[in-house]
């Protein structure tokens, strides 16, 4: 999987996640920030914390850390699988 495919896979996972139940099309800025956060995060926990910050800042509502952790695990798995094949 190349970097472009990885980005598309990350976006797909994030589009499927609708933590505030407002429709997946309402998260474009958050998805862009989250994709960048995947590259910057050292591990699943730090990515989950960053996802929580991104989405809570935008929607001004609390978000369950465990939900963020589950998504972060999927995103890190995609990143790891991509870096193994490069």
PDB file of N, CA and C in Angstrom:
ATOM      1  N   UNK A   1       0.854  -1.177   0.000  1.00  0.00           N
ATOM      2  CA  UNK A   1       0.000   0.000   0.000  1.00  0.00           C
ATOM      3  C   UNK A   1       0.898   1.238   0.000  1.00  0.00           C
ATOM      4  N   UNK A   2       0.673   2.136  -0.950  1.00  0.00           N
ATOM      5  CA  UNK A   2       1.468   3.361  -0.980  1.00  0.00           C
ATOM      6  C   UNK A   2       0.809   4.434  -0.106  1.00  0.00           C
ATOM      7  N   UNK A   3       1.449   5.592  -0.013  1.00  0.00           N
ATOM      8  CA  UNK A   3       0.977   6.655   0.871  1.00  0.00           C
ATOM      9  C   UNK A   3      -0.423   7.148   0.484  1.00  0.00           C
ATOM     10  N   UNK A   4      -0.694   7.255  -0.804  1.00  0.00           N
ATOM     11  CA  UNK A   4      -2.013   7.708  -1.246  1.00  0.00           C
ATOM     12  C   UNK A   4      -3.096   6.708  -0.840  1.00  0.00           C
ATOM     13  N   UNK A   5      -2.821   5.439  -1.021  1.00  0.00           N
ATOM     14  CA  UNK A   5      -3.777   4.406  -0.621  1.00  0.00           C
ATOM     15  C   UNK A   5      -3.974   4.420   0.890  1.00  0.00           C
ATOM     16  N   UNK A   6      -2.874   4.648   1.627  1.00  0.00           N
ATOM     17  CA  UNK A   6      -2.964   4.715   3.080  1.00  0.00           C
ATOM     18  C   UNK A   6      -3.892   5.864   3.490  1.00  0.00           C
ATOM     19  N   UNK A   7      -3.696   7.023   2.879  1.00  0.00           N
ATOM     20  CA  UNK A   7      -4.529   8.187   3.202  1.00  0.00           C
ATOM     21  C   UNK A   7      -5.992   7.896   2.916  1.00  0.00           C
ATOM     22  N   UNK A   8      -6.262   7.285   1.786  1.00  0.00           N
ATOM     23  CA  UNK A   8      -7.646   6.936   1.451  1.00  0.00           C
ATOM     24  C   UNK A   8      -8.235   5.954   2.460  1.00  0.00           C
ATOM     25  N   UNK A   9      -7.437   5.009   2.901  1.00  0.00           N
ATOM     26  CA  UNK A   9      -7.896   4.047   3.907  1.00  0.00           C
ATOM     27  C   UNK A   9      -8.174   4.739   5.240  1.00  0.00           C
ATOM     28  N   UNK A  10      -7.297   5.656   5.632  1.00  0.00           N
ATOM     29  CA  UNK A  10      -7.506   6.409   6.871  1.00  0.00           C
ATOM     30  C   UNK A  10      -8.796   7.218   6.787  1.00  0.00           C
ATOM     31  N   UNK A  11      -8.985   7.896   5.674  1.00  0.00           N
ATOM     32  CA  UNK A  11     -10.186   8.719   5.479  1.00  0.00           C
ATOM     33  C   UNK A  11     -11.438   7.845   5.542  1.00  0.00           C
ATOM     34  N   UNK A  12     -11.381   6.682   4.932  1.00  0.00           N
ATOM     35  CA  UNK A  12     -12.531   5.773   4.931  1.00  0.00           C
ATOM     36  C   UNK A  12     -12.930   5.380   6.358  1.00  0.00           C
ATOM     37  N   UNK A  13     -11.941   5.039   7.174  1.00  0.00           N
ATOM     38  CA  UNK A  13     -12.223   4.673   8.568  1.00  0.00           C
ATOM     39  C   UNK A  13     -12.841   5.855   9.309  1.00  0.00           C
ATOM     40  N   UNK A  14     -12.279   7.031   9.102  1.00  0.00           N
ATOM     41  CA  UNK A  14     -12.779   8.215   9.799  1.00  0.00           C
ATOM     42  C   UNK A  14     -14.170   8.626   9.307  1.00  0.00           C
ATOM     43  N   UNK A  15     -14.450   8.410   8.032  1.00  0.00           N
ATOM     44  CA  UNK A  15     -15.786   8.722   7.505  1.00  0.00           C
ATOM     45  C   UNK A  15     -16.847   7.777   8.077  1.00  0.00           C
ATOM     46  N   UNK A  16     -16.447   6.574   8.380  1.00  0.00           N
ATOM     47  CA  UNK A  16     -17.388   5.601   8.957  1.00  0.00           C
ATOM     48  C   UNK A  16     -17.698   5.909  10.418  1.00  0.00           C
ATOM     49  N   UNK A  17     -16.816   6.666  11.057  1.00  0.00           N
ATOM     50  CA  UNK A  17     -16.982   7.012  12.470  1.00  0.00           C
ATOM     51  C   UNK A  17     -17.845   8.265  12.570  1.00  0.00           C
ATOM     52  N   UNK A  18     -18.922   8.179  13.285  1.00  0.00           N
ATOM     53  CA  UNK A  18     -19.831   9.320  13.458  1.00  0.00           C
ATOM     54  C   UNK A  18     -20.075   9.501  14.963  1.00  0.00           C
ATOM     55  N   UNK A  19     -19.062   9.982  15.699  1.00  0.00           N
ATOM     56  CA  UNK A  19     -19.137   9.990  17.162  1.00  0.00           C
ATOM     57  C   UNK A  19     -20.244  10.872  17.735  1.00  0.00           C
ATOM     58  N   UNK A  20     -20.649  11.899  17.018  1.00  0.00           N
ATOM     59  CA  UNK A  20     -21.695  12.785  17.520  1.00  0.00           C
ATOM     60  C   UNK A  20     -23.024  12.608  16.781  1.00  0.00           C
ATOM     61  N   UNK A  21     -23.081  11.583  15.941  1.00  0.00           N
ATOM     62  CA  UNK A  21     -24.295  11.225  15.205  1.00  0.00           C
ATOM     63  C   UNK A  21     -24.895  12.425  14.453  1.00  0.00           C
ATOM     64  N   UNK A  22     -24.025  13.090  13.679  1.00  0.00           N
ATOM     65  CA  UNK A  22     -24.460  14.241  12.873  1.00  0.00           C
ATOM     66  C   UNK A  22     -24.334  13.960  11.379  1.00  0.00           C
ATOM     67  N   UNK A  23     -23.949  12.743  11.027  1.00  0.00           N
ATOM     68  CA  UNK A  23     -23.754  12.379   9.626  1.00  0.00           C
ATOM     69  C   UNK A  23     -22.290  12.499   9.244  1.00  0.00           C
ATOM     70  N   UNK A  24     -21.799  11.503   8.575  1.00  0.00           N
ATOM     71  CA  UNK A  24     -20.363  11.432   8.269  1.00  0.00           C
ATOM     72  C   UNK A  24     -19.868  12.580   7.397  1.00  0.00           C
ATOM     73  N   UNK A  25     -20.748  13.205   6.645  1.00  0.00           N
ATOM     74  CA  UNK A  25     -20.329  14.308   5.775  1.00  0.00           C
ATOM     75  C   UNK A  25     -20.030  15.589   6.555  1.00  0.00           C
ATOM     76  N   UNK A  26     -20.293  15.601   7.850  1.00  0.00           N
ATOM     77  CA  UNK A  26     -20.094  16.799   8.667  1.00  0.00           C
ATOM     78  C   UNK A  26     -18.770  16.811   9.428  1.00  0.00           C
ATOM     79  N   UNK A  27     -17.813  15.998   9.020  1.00  0.00           N
ATOM     80  CA  UNK A  27     -16.545  15.895   9.741  1.00  0.00           C
ATOM     81  C   UNK A  27     -15.319  16.198   8.872  1.00  0.00           C
ATOM     82  N   UNK A  28     -15.484  16.859   7.763  1.00  0.00           N
ATOM     83  CA  UNK A  28     -14.350  17.054   6.852  1.00  0.00           C
ATOM     84  C   UNK A  28     -13.132  17.711   7.513  1.00  0.00           C
ATOM     85  N   UNK A  29     -13.278  18.827   8.238  1.00  0.00           N
ATOM     86  CA  UNK A  29     -12.094  19.435   8.860  1.00  0.00           C
ATOM     87  C   UNK A  29     -11.454  18.514   9.908  1.00  0.00           C
ATOM     88  N   UNK A  30     -12.297  17.816  10.659  1.00  0.00           N
ATOM     89  CA  UNK A  30     -11.786  16.912  11.689  1.00  0.00           C
ATOM     90  C   UNK A  30     -11.040  15.736  11.061  1.00  0.00           C
ATOM     91  N   UNK A  31     -11.558  15.231   9.954  1.00  0.00           N
ATOM     92  CA  UNK A  31     -10.901  14.121   9.260  1.00  0.00           C
ATOM     93  C   UNK A  31      -9.534  14.563   8.748  1.00  0.00           C
ATOM     94  N   UNK A  32      -9.461  15.749   8.180  1.00  0.00           N
ATOM     95  CA  UNK A  32      -8.171  16.254   7.693  1.00  0.00           C
ATOM     96  C   UNK A  32      -7.173  16.365   8.844  1.00  0.00           C
ATOM     97  N   UNK A  33      -7.609  16.910   9.972  1.00  0.00           N
ATOM     98  CA  UNK A  33      -6.727  17.027  11.135  1.00  0.00           C
ATOM     99  C   UNK A  33      -6.341  15.654  11.679  1.00  0.00           C
ATOM    100  N   UNK A  34      -7.290  14.730  11.680  1.00  0.00           N
ATOM    101  CA  UNK A  34      -7.025  13.389  12.207  1.00  0.00           C
ATOM    102  C   UNK A  34      -6.017  12.637  11.340  1.00  0.00           C
ATOM    103  N   UNK A  35      -6.113  12.782  10.024  1.00  0.00           N
ATOM    104  CA  UNK A  35      -5.148  12.127   9.129  1.00  0.00           C
ATOM    105  C   UNK A  35      -3.743  12.646   9.412  1.00  0.00           C
ATOM    106  N   UNK A  36      -3.609  13.941   9.616  1.00  0.00           N
ATOM    107  CA  UNK A  36      -2.299  14.507   9.974  1.00  0.00           C
ATOM    108  C   UNK A  36      -1.829  13.978  11.325  1.00  0.00           C
ATOM    109  N   UNK A  37      -2.739  13.837  12.246  1.00  0.00           N
ATOM    110  CA  UNK A  37      -2.389  13.346  13.578  1.00  0.00           C
ATOM    111  C   UNK A  37      -1.851  11.921  13.543  1.00  0.00           C
ATOM    112  N   UNK A  38      -2.305  11.127  12.600  1.00  0.00           N
ATOM    113  CA  UNK A  38      -1.812   9.748  12.486  1.00  0.00           C
ATOM    114  C   UNK A  38      -0.310   9.752  12.240  1.00  0.00           C
ATOM    115  N   UNK A  39       0.155  10.645  11.393  1.00  0.00           N
ATOM    116  CA  UNK A  39       1.588  10.725  11.092  1.00  0.00           C
ATOM    117  C   UNK A  39       2.392  11.218  12.283  1.00  0.00           C
ATOM    118  N   UNK A  40       1.792  12.119  13.061  1.00  0.00           N
ATOM    119  CA  UNK A  40       2.503  12.740  14.176  1.00  0.00           C
ATOM    120  C   UNK A  40       2.495  11.918  15.453  1.00  0.00           C
ATOM    121  N   UNK A  41       1.587  10.974  15.569  1.00  0.00           N
ATOM    122  CA  UNK A  41       1.411  10.226  16.815  1.00  0.00           C
ATOM    123  C   UNK A  41       2.389   9.066  16.895  1.00  0.00           C
ATOM    124  N   UNK A  42       2.928   8.895  18.090  1.00  0.00           N
ATOM    125  CA  UNK A  42       3.912   7.832  18.311  1.00  0.00           C
ATOM    126  C   UNK A  42       3.246   6.491  18.631  1.00  0.00           C
ATOM    127  N   UNK A  43       2.043   6.539  19.205  1.00  0.00           N
ATOM    128  CA  UNK A  43       1.378   5.304  19.599  1.00  0.00           C
ATOM    129  C   UNK A  43      -0.135   5.492  19.615  1.00  0.00           C
ATOM    130  N   UNK A  44      -0.843   4.414  19.902  1.00  0.00           N
ATOM    131  CA  UNK A  44      -2.304   4.421  19.874  1.00  0.00           C
ATOM    132  C   UNK A  44      -2.869   5.378  20.919  1.00  0.00           C
ATOM    133  N   UNK A  45      -2.314   5.355  22.108  1.00  0.00           N
ATOM    134  CA  UNK A  45      -2.818   6.211  23.191  1.00  0.00           C
ATOM    135  C   UNK A  45      -2.707   7.690  22.828  1.00  0.00           C
ATOM    136  N   UNK A  46      -1.571   8.097  22.304  1.00  0.00           N
ATOM    137  CA  UNK A  46      -1.399   9.513  21.956  1.00  0.00           C
ATOM    138  C   UNK A  46      -2.310   9.909  20.796  1.00  0.00           C
ATOM    139  N   UNK A  47      -2.510   9.005  19.851  1.00  0.00           N
ATOM    140  CA  UNK A  47      -3.436   9.305  18.753  1.00  0.00           C
ATOM    141  C   UNK A  47      -4.864   9.409  19.279  1.00  0.00           C
ATOM    142  N   UNK A  48      -5.260   8.531  20.166  1.00  0.00           N
ATOM    143  CA  UNK A  48      -6.604   8.593  20.746  1.00  0.00           C
ATOM    144  C   UNK A  48      -6.821   9.911  21.481  1.00  0.00           C
ATOM    145  N   UNK A  49      -5.829  10.352  22.235  1.00  0.00           N
ATOM    146  CA  UNK A  49      -5.941  11.639  22.929  1.00  0.00           C
ATOM    147  C   UNK A  49      -6.087  12.782  21.931  1.00  0.00           C
ATOM    148  N   UNK A  50      -5.315  12.721  20.838  1.00  0.00           N
ATOM    149  CA  UNK A  50      -5.385  13.774  19.820  1.00  0.00           C
ATOM    150  C   UNK A  50      -6.741  13.769  19.115  1.00  0.00           C
ATOM    151  N   UNK A  51      -7.263  12.597  18.784  1.00  0.00           N
ATOM    152  CA  UNK A  51      -8.590  12.509  18.172  1.00  0.00           C
ATOM    153  C   UNK A  51      -9.646  13.119  19.092  1.00  0.00           C
ATOM    154  N   UNK A  52      -9.548  12.791  20.360  1.00  0.00           N
ATOM    155  CA  UNK A  52     -10.483  13.336  21.349  1.00  0.00           C
ATOM    156  C   UNK A  52     -10.416  14.858  21.352  1.00  0.00           C
ATOM    157  N   UNK A  53      -9.215  15.420  21.332  1.00  0.00           N
ATOM    158  CA  UNK A  53      -9.035  16.879  21.313  1.00  0.00           C
ATOM    159  C   UNK A  53      -9.635  17.500  20.052  1.00  0.00           C
ATOM    160  N   UNK A  54      -9.340  16.907  18.918  1.00  0.00           N
ATOM    161  CA  UNK A  54      -9.811  17.443  17.630  1.00  0.00           C
ATOM    162  C   UNK A  54     -11.334  17.502  17.584  1.00  0.00           C
ATOM    163  N   UNK A  55     -11.969  16.393  17.895  1.00  0.00           N
ATOM    164  CA  UNK A  55     -13.425  16.312  17.770  1.00  0.00           C
ATOM    165  C   UNK A  55     -14.135  17.110  18.872  1.00  0.00           C
ATOM    166  N   UNK A  56     -13.604  17.075  20.089  1.00  0.00           N
ATOM    167  CA  UNK A  56     -14.233  17.844  21.164  1.00  0.00           C
ATOM    168  C   UNK A  56     -14.109  19.345  20.912  1.00  0.00           C
ATOM    169  N   UNK A  57     -12.978  19.777  20.390  1.00  0.00           N
ATOM    170  CA  UNK A  57     -12.797  21.197  20.092  1.00  0.00           C
ATOM    171  C   UNK A  57     -13.827  21.669  19.064  1.00  0.00           C
ATOM    172  N   UNK A  58     -14.020  20.880  18.025  1.00  0.00           N
ATOM    173  CA  UNK A  58     -14.942  21.271  16.958  1.00  0.00           C
ATOM    174  C   UNK A  58     -16.402  21.259  17.390  1.00  0.00           C
ATOM    175  N   UNK A  59     -16.779  20.281  18.194  1.00  0.00           N
ATOM    176  CA  UNK A  59     -18.188  20.110  18.527  1.00  0.00           C
ATOM    177  C   UNK A  59     -18.536  20.571  19.938  1.00  0.00           C
ATOM    178  N   UNK A  60     -17.531  20.950  20.710  1.00  0.00           N
ATOM    179  CA  UNK A  60     -17.725  21.459  22.065  1.00  0.00           C
ATOM    180  C   UNK A  60     -18.596  20.523  22.901  1.00  0.00           C
ATOM    181  N   UNK A  61     -18.327  19.229  22.729  1.00  0.00           N
ATOM    182  CA  UNK A  61     -19.021  18.184  23.485  1.00  0.00           C
ATOM    183  C   UNK A  61     -17.996  17.140  23.899  1.00  0.00           C
ATOM    184  N   UNK A  62     -18.192  16.519  25.059  1.00  0.00           N
ATOM    185  CA  UNK A  62     -17.257  15.468  25.484  1.00  0.00           C
ATOM    186  C   UNK A  62     -17.394  14.228  24.600  1.00  0.00           C
ATOM    187  N   UNK A  63     -16.294  13.532  24.465  1.00  0.00           N
ATOM    188  CA  UNK A  63     -16.255  12.323  23.648  1.00  0.00           C
ATOM    189  C   UNK A  63     -15.593  11.226  24.460  1.00  0.00           C
ATOM    190  N   UNK A  64     -16.164  10.056  24.428  1.00  0.00           N
ATOM    191  CA  UNK A  64     -15.653   8.915  25.180  1.00  0.00           C
ATOM    192  C   UNK A  64     -14.259   8.527  24.686  1.00  0.00           C
ATOM    193  N   UNK A  65     -13.304   8.441  25.606  1.00  0.00           N
ATOM    194  CA  UNK A  65     -11.934   8.099  25.234  1.00  0.00           C
ATOM    195  C   UNK A  65     -11.852   6.704  24.619  1.00  0.00           C
ATOM    196  N   UNK A  66     -12.648   5.767  25.103  1.00  0.00           N
ATOM    197  CA  UNK A  66     -12.606   4.399  24.576  1.00  0.00           C
ATOM    198  C   UNK A  66     -13.017   4.353  23.108  1.00  0.00           C
ATOM    199  N   UNK A  67     -13.964   5.205  22.726  1.00  0.00           N
ATOM    200  CA  UNK A  67     -14.368   5.276  21.319  1.00  0.00           C
ATOM    201  C   UNK A  67     -13.209   5.799  20.475  1.00  0.00           C
ATOM    202  N   UNK A  68     -12.509   6.791  21.001  1.00  0.00           N
ATOM    203  CA  UNK A  68     -11.345   7.342  20.294  1.00  0.00           C
ATOM    204  C   UNK A  68     -10.238   6.297  20.193  1.00  0.00           C
ATOM    205  N   UNK A  69     -10.069   5.548  21.253  1.00  0.00           N
ATOM    206  CA  UNK A  69      -9.042   4.507  21.281  1.00  0.00           C
ATOM    207  C   UNK A  69      -9.315   3.426  20.235  1.00  0.00           C
ATOM    208  N   UNK A  70     -10.561   3.037  20.093  1.00  0.00           N
ATOM    209  CA  UNK A  70     -10.922   2.011  19.099  1.00  0.00           C
ATOM    210  C   UNK A  70     -10.604   2.491  17.685  1.00  0.00           C
ATOM    211  N   UNK A  71     -10.916   3.745  17.382  1.00  0.00           N
ATOM    212  CA  UNK A  71     -10.624   4.294  16.053  1.00  0.00           C
ATOM    213  C   UNK A  71      -9.117   4.446  15.882  1.00  0.00           C
ATOM    214  N   UNK A  72      -8.440   4.908  16.913  1.00  0.00           N
ATOM    215  CA  UNK A  72      -6.986   5.087  16.846  1.00  0.00           C
ATOM    216  C   UNK A  72      -6.281   3.761  16.548  1.00  0.00           C
ATOM    217  N   UNK A  73      -6.776   2.687  17.122  1.00  0.00           N
ATOM    218  CA  UNK A  73      -6.182   1.367  16.867  1.00  0.00           C
ATOM    219  C   UNK A  73      -6.289   1.001  15.390  1.00  0.00           C
ATOM    220  N   UNK A  74      -7.433   1.264  14.796  1.00  0.00           N
ATOM    221  CA  UNK A  74      -7.620   0.974  13.361  1.00  0.00           C
ATOM    222  C   UNK A  74      -6.672   1.826  12.516  1.00  0.00           C
ATOM    223  N   UNK A  75      -6.558   3.103  12.883  1.00  0.00           N
ATOM    224  CA  UNK A  75      -5.716   4.024  12.109  1.00  0.00           C
ATOM    225  C   UNK A  75      -4.246   3.652  12.214  1.00  0.00           C
ATOM    226  N   UNK A  76      -3.801   3.321  13.413  1.00  0.00           N
ATOM    227  CA  UNK A  76      -2.396   2.920  13.601  1.00  0.00           C
ATOM    228  C   UNK A  76      -2.116   1.620  12.862  1.00  0.00           C
ATOM    229  N   UNK A  77      -3.080   0.718  12.829  1.00  0.00           N
ATOM    230  CA  UNK A  77      -2.901  -0.544  12.097  1.00  0.00           C
ATOM    231  C   UNK A  77      -2.693  -0.260  10.607  1.00  0.00           C
ATOM    232  N   UNK A  78      -3.468   0.649  10.059  1.00  0.00           N
ATOM    233  CA  UNK A  78      -3.306   1.020   8.649  1.00  0.00           C
ATOM    234  C   UNK A  78      -1.918   1.617   8.431  1.00  0.00           C
ATOM    235  N   UNK A  79      -1.509   2.535   9.306  1.00  0.00           N
ATOM    236  CA  UNK A  79      -0.189   3.158   9.178  1.00  0.00           C
ATOM    237  C   UNK A  79       0.925   2.114   9.277  1.00  0.00           C
ATOM    238  N   UNK A  80       0.808   1.214  10.213  1.00  0.00           N
ATOM    239  CA  UNK A  80       1.823   0.183  10.415  1.00  0.00           C
ATOM    240  C   UNK A  80       1.913  -0.733   9.210  1.00  0.00           C
ATOM    241  N   UNK A  81       0.775  -1.144   8.686  1.00  0.00           N
ATOM    242  CA  UNK A  81       0.766  -2.024   7.514  1.00  0.00           C
ATOM    243  C   UNK A  81       1.359  -1.326   6.296  1.00  0.00           C
ATOM    244  N   UNK A  82       1.161  -0.023   6.192  1.00  0.00           N
ATOM    245  CA  UNK A  82       1.717   0.733   5.077  1.00  0.00           C
ATOM    246  C   UNK A  82       3.224   0.845   5.210  1.00  0.00           C
ATOM    247  N   UNK A  83       3.693   1.169   6.406  1.00  0.00           N
ATOM    248  CA  UNK A  83       5.140   1.352   6.585  1.00  0.00           C
ATOM    249  C   UNK A  83       5.895   0.035   6.436  1.00  0.00           C
ATOM    250  N   UNK A  84       5.234  -1.069   6.694  1.00  0.00           N
ATOM    251  CA  UNK A  84       5.887  -2.370   6.521  1.00  0.00           C
ATOM    252  C   UNK A  84       6.087  -2.727   5.070  1.00  0.00           C
ATOM    253  N   UNK A  85       5.254  -2.161   4.203  1.00  0.00           N
ATOM    254  CA  UNK A  85       5.349  -2.531   2.800  1.00  0.00           C
ATOM    255  C   UNK A  85       6.140  -1.518   1.975  1.00  0.00           C
ATOM    256  N   UNK A  86       6.522  -0.394   2.580  1.00  0.00           N
ATOM    257  CA  UNK A  86       7.277   0.609   1.835  1.00  0.00           C
ATOM    258  C   UNK A  86       8.740   0.244   1.719  1.00  0.00           C
TER     259      UNK A  86
END
